[in-house]
Protein backbone atom coordinates (compact mmCIF):
# COMPACT_ATOMS: atom_id res chain seq x y z
CA UNK A 1 0.00 0.00 0.00
CA UNK A 2 1.54 3.32 -1.07
CA UNK A 3 1.65 6.36 1.11
CA UNK A 4 1.09 10.02 0.21
CA UNK A 5 4.18 12.11 -0.27
CA UNK A 6 5.25 13.53 3.03
CA UNK A 7 2.70 11.55 5.01
CA UNK A 8 2.78 8.29 6.86
CA UNK A 9 -0.94 7.46 6.75
CA UNK A 10 -2.56 5.55 3.89
CA UNK A 11 -5.49 7.13 2.09
CA UNK A 12 -8.92 5.86 2.93
CA UNK A 13 -11.56 5.76 0.23
CA UNK A 14 -15.11 4.79 -0.49
CA UNK A 15 -15.78 2.81 -3.62
CA UNK A 16 -18.52 4.73 -5.41
CA UNK A 17 -21.60 2.65 -6.04
CA UNK A 18 -20.73 -0.10 -3.57
CA UNK A 19 -20.19 1.80 -0.34
CA UNK A 20 -17.12 -0.36 0.35
CA UNK A 21 -14.61 1.44 2.56
CA UNK A 22 -10.96 0.61 2.89
CA UNK A 23 -7.39 1.68 2.26
CA UNK A 24 -6.30 2.24 -1.30
CA UNK A 25 -3.38 3.68 -3.20
CA UNK A 26 -5.29 6.63 -4.63
CA UNK A 27 -5.60 5.25 -8.12
CA UNK A 28 -7.22 1.87 -7.91
CA UNK A 29 -10.14 0.09 -6.42
CA UNK A 30 -10.26 -0.21 -2.67
CA UNK A 31 -7.57 -2.53 -1.47
CA UNK A 32 -6.66 -3.75 -4.97
CA UNK A 33 -4.13 -1.19 -6.20
CA UNK A 34 -5.16 -1.70 -9.85
CA UNK A 35 -6.92 0.73 -12.19
CA UNK A 36 -9.04 3.79 -11.48
CA UNK A 37 -11.96 3.69 -9.09
CA UNK A 38 -15.21 2.83 -10.82
CA UNK A 39 -17.68 5.65 -11.20
CA UNK A 40 -21.19 5.57 -9.85
CA UNK A 41 -24.10 4.81 -12.15
CA UNK A 42 -25.34 8.42 -12.02
CA UNK A 43 -21.93 9.77 -13.06
CA UNK A 44 -21.60 7.27 -15.92
CA UNK A 45 -25.05 8.05 -17.29
CA UNK A 46 -24.54 11.79 -16.85
CA UNK A 47 -21.34 11.51 -18.89
CA UNK A 48 -23.07 9.53 -21.62
CA UNK A 49 -25.93 12.02 -21.87
CA UNK A 50 -23.51 14.96 -21.78
CA UNK A 51 -21.47 13.39 -24.57
CA UNK A 52 -24.59 12.84 -26.71
CA UNK A 53 -25.66 16.47 -26.19
CA UNK A 54 -22.15 17.78 -26.91
CA UNK A 55 -21.88 15.79 -30.14
CA UNK A 56 -25.41 16.80 -31.11
CA UNK A 57 -24.67 20.46 -30.44
CA UNK A 58 -21.50 20.43 -32.55
CA UNK A 59 -23.38 18.71 -35.39
CA UNK A 60 -26.19 21.27 -35.18
CA UNK A 61 -23.68 24.13 -35.43
CA UNK A 62 -22.26 22.54 -38.60
CA UNK A 63 -25.78 22.26 -40.04
CA UNK A 64 -26.43 25.88 -39.06
CA UNK A 65 -23.39 26.99 -41.07
CA UNK A 66 -24.60 24.87 -44.00
CA UNK A 67 -28.00 26.59 -43.86
CA UNK A 68 -26.28 29.99 -43.87
CA UNK A 69 -24.38 28.94 -46.97
CA UNK A 70 -27.59 27.79 -48.61
CA UNK A 71 -29.16 31.18 -47.93
CA UNK A 72 -26.18 33.14 -49.23
CA UNK A 73 -25.02 31.04 -52.19
CA UNK A 74 -28.04 29.03 -53.39
CA UNK A 75 -31.33 30.78 -52.69
CA UNK A 76 -31.95 33.78 -50.42
CA UNK A 77 -35.39 32.35 -49.61
CA UNK A 78 -33.61 29.59 -47.67
CA UNK A 79 -32.14 32.11 -45.23
CA UNK A 80 -35.15 31.42 -43.02
CA UNK A 81 -33.72 27.94 -42.41
CA UNK A 82 -30.64 29.52 -40.86
CA UNK A 83 -32.71 32.01 -38.87
CA UNK A 84 -35.05 29.41 -37.42
CA UNK A 85 -32.79 26.36 -36.94
CA UNK A 86 -30.99 27.91 -33.96
CA UNK A 87 -34.19 27.51 -31.95
CA UNK A 88 -33.83 23.73 -32.30
CA UNK A 89 -30.51 23.53 -30.42
CA UNK A 90 -29.82 26.81 -28.61
CA UNK A 91 -31.03 25.33 -25.31
CA UNK A 92 -28.63 22.35 -25.32
CA UNK A 93 -25.87 24.13 -23.33
CA UNK A 94 -28.49 24.89 -20.67
CA UNK A 95 -28.99 21.13 -20.29
CA UNK A 96 -25.28 20.40 -20.57
CA UNK A 97 -24.17 22.71 -17.75
CA UNK A 98 -25.84 20.88 -14.84
CA UNK A 99 -24.89 17.56 -16.46
CA UNK A 100 -21.24 18.65 -16.47
CA UNK A 101 -21.46 18.85 -12.69
CA UNK A 102 -23.34 15.59 -12.15
CA UNK A 103 -20.95 13.87 -14.59
CA UNK A 104 -18.02 15.15 -12.51
CA UNK A 105 -16.35 16.56 -15.59
CA UNK A 106 -13.36 18.84 -15.25
CA UNK A 107 -13.68 22.49 -14.31
CA UNK A 108 -12.44 23.36 -17.80
CA UNK A 109 -15.37 21.51 -19.40
CA UNK A 110 -17.78 23.25 -17.03
CA UNK A 111 -16.37 26.67 -17.90
CA UNK A 112 -16.36 25.89 -21.63
CA UNK A 113 -20.01 24.84 -21.40
CA UNK A 114 -20.85 28.14 -19.69
CA UNK A 115 -18.84 29.93 -22.39
CA UNK A 116 -21.12 28.37 -25.02
CA UNK A 117 -24.07 30.12 -23.39
CA UNK A 118 -22.26 33.46 -23.53
CA UNK A 119 -21.23 32.91 -27.16
CA UNK A 120 -24.82 32.10 -28.14
CA UNK A 121 -25.98 35.34 -26.50
CA UNK A 122 -23.24 37.20 -28.38
CA UNK A 123 -24.42 35.52 -31.59
CA UNK A 124 -27.88 37.03 -31.12
CA UNK A 125 -26.34 40.44 -30.42
CA UNK A 126 -24.14 40.39 -33.53
CA UNK A 127 -27.00 39.12 -35.72
CA UNK A 128 -29.13 42.12 -34.83
CA UNK A 129 -26.50 44.87 -35.04
CA UNK A 130 -26.88 47.46 -37.73
CA UNK A 131 -23.19 48.33 -37.70
CA UNK A 132 -20.06 46.87 -39.30
CA UNK A 133 -19.58 44.94 -36.04
CA UNK A 134 -22.30 42.59 -37.34
CA UNK A 135 -19.50 41.07 -39.44
CA UNK A 136 -18.37 39.40 -36.20
CA UNK A 137 -21.44 37.12 -36.43
CA UNK A 138 -19.71 34.46 -38.60
CA UNK A 139 -16.49 34.78 -36.60
CA UNK A 140 -18.43 34.12 -33.41
CA UNK A 141 -20.10 31.17 -35.14
CA UNK A 142 -16.64 29.71 -35.77
CA UNK A 143 -15.77 30.23 -32.09
CA UNK A 144 -18.96 28.43 -31.08
CA UNK A 145 -18.07 25.48 -33.32
CA UNK A 146 -14.49 25.42 -32.03
CA UNK A 147 -15.56 25.43 -28.37
CA UNK A 148 -18.23 22.80 -29.12
CA UNK A 149 -15.66 20.45 -30.69
CA UNK A 150 -13.27 20.93 -27.76
CA UNK A 151 -16.07 20.09 -25.34
CA UNK A 152 -17.13 17.06 -27.38
CA UNK A 153 -13.55 15.78 -27.47
CA UNK A 154 -13.08 16.16 -23.74
CA UNK A 155 -16.44 14.55 -23.05
CA UNK A 156 -15.47 11.67 -25.36
CA UNK A 157 -12.22 11.12 -23.48
CA UNK A 158 -14.00 11.26 -20.11
CA UNK A 159 -16.73 8.85 -21.22
CA UNK A 160 -15.32 6.40 -23.76
CA UNK A 161 -11.63 6.34 -22.93
CA UNK A 162 -12.31 5.59 -19.27
């Protein structure tokens, strides 16, 4: 049984989901010393749902950009697709934020999820500006997609690679 640096007492842990208590080395199951501690059922399902929402959000942003392209390059009458599709997925970060906590995801993922909410608000602001600053609307859209893919990647690693 390993000891913490600078300490002489072994760590004591509770195995999530089983309630088993005992000494462990900080990385493995209680008393076994092998592999990470298993996560509780709630955490596992929260991570799976968060991952599905994160992937869905990133895909919806890609579709949103496609609809903008259809409205600009194919037929201006299709611009309404771009204007209305946001209402299908704009709420997903609101669902993702509490899930990030129940899934015990990193603080970085939590902050990035909150950042998505701020970027969506900024997207509405830039879409309705009557100034040259409205040109920031597509740039902000790229930022939203970039943050969404980072979140999806981190959620994938936390869920699948575990």
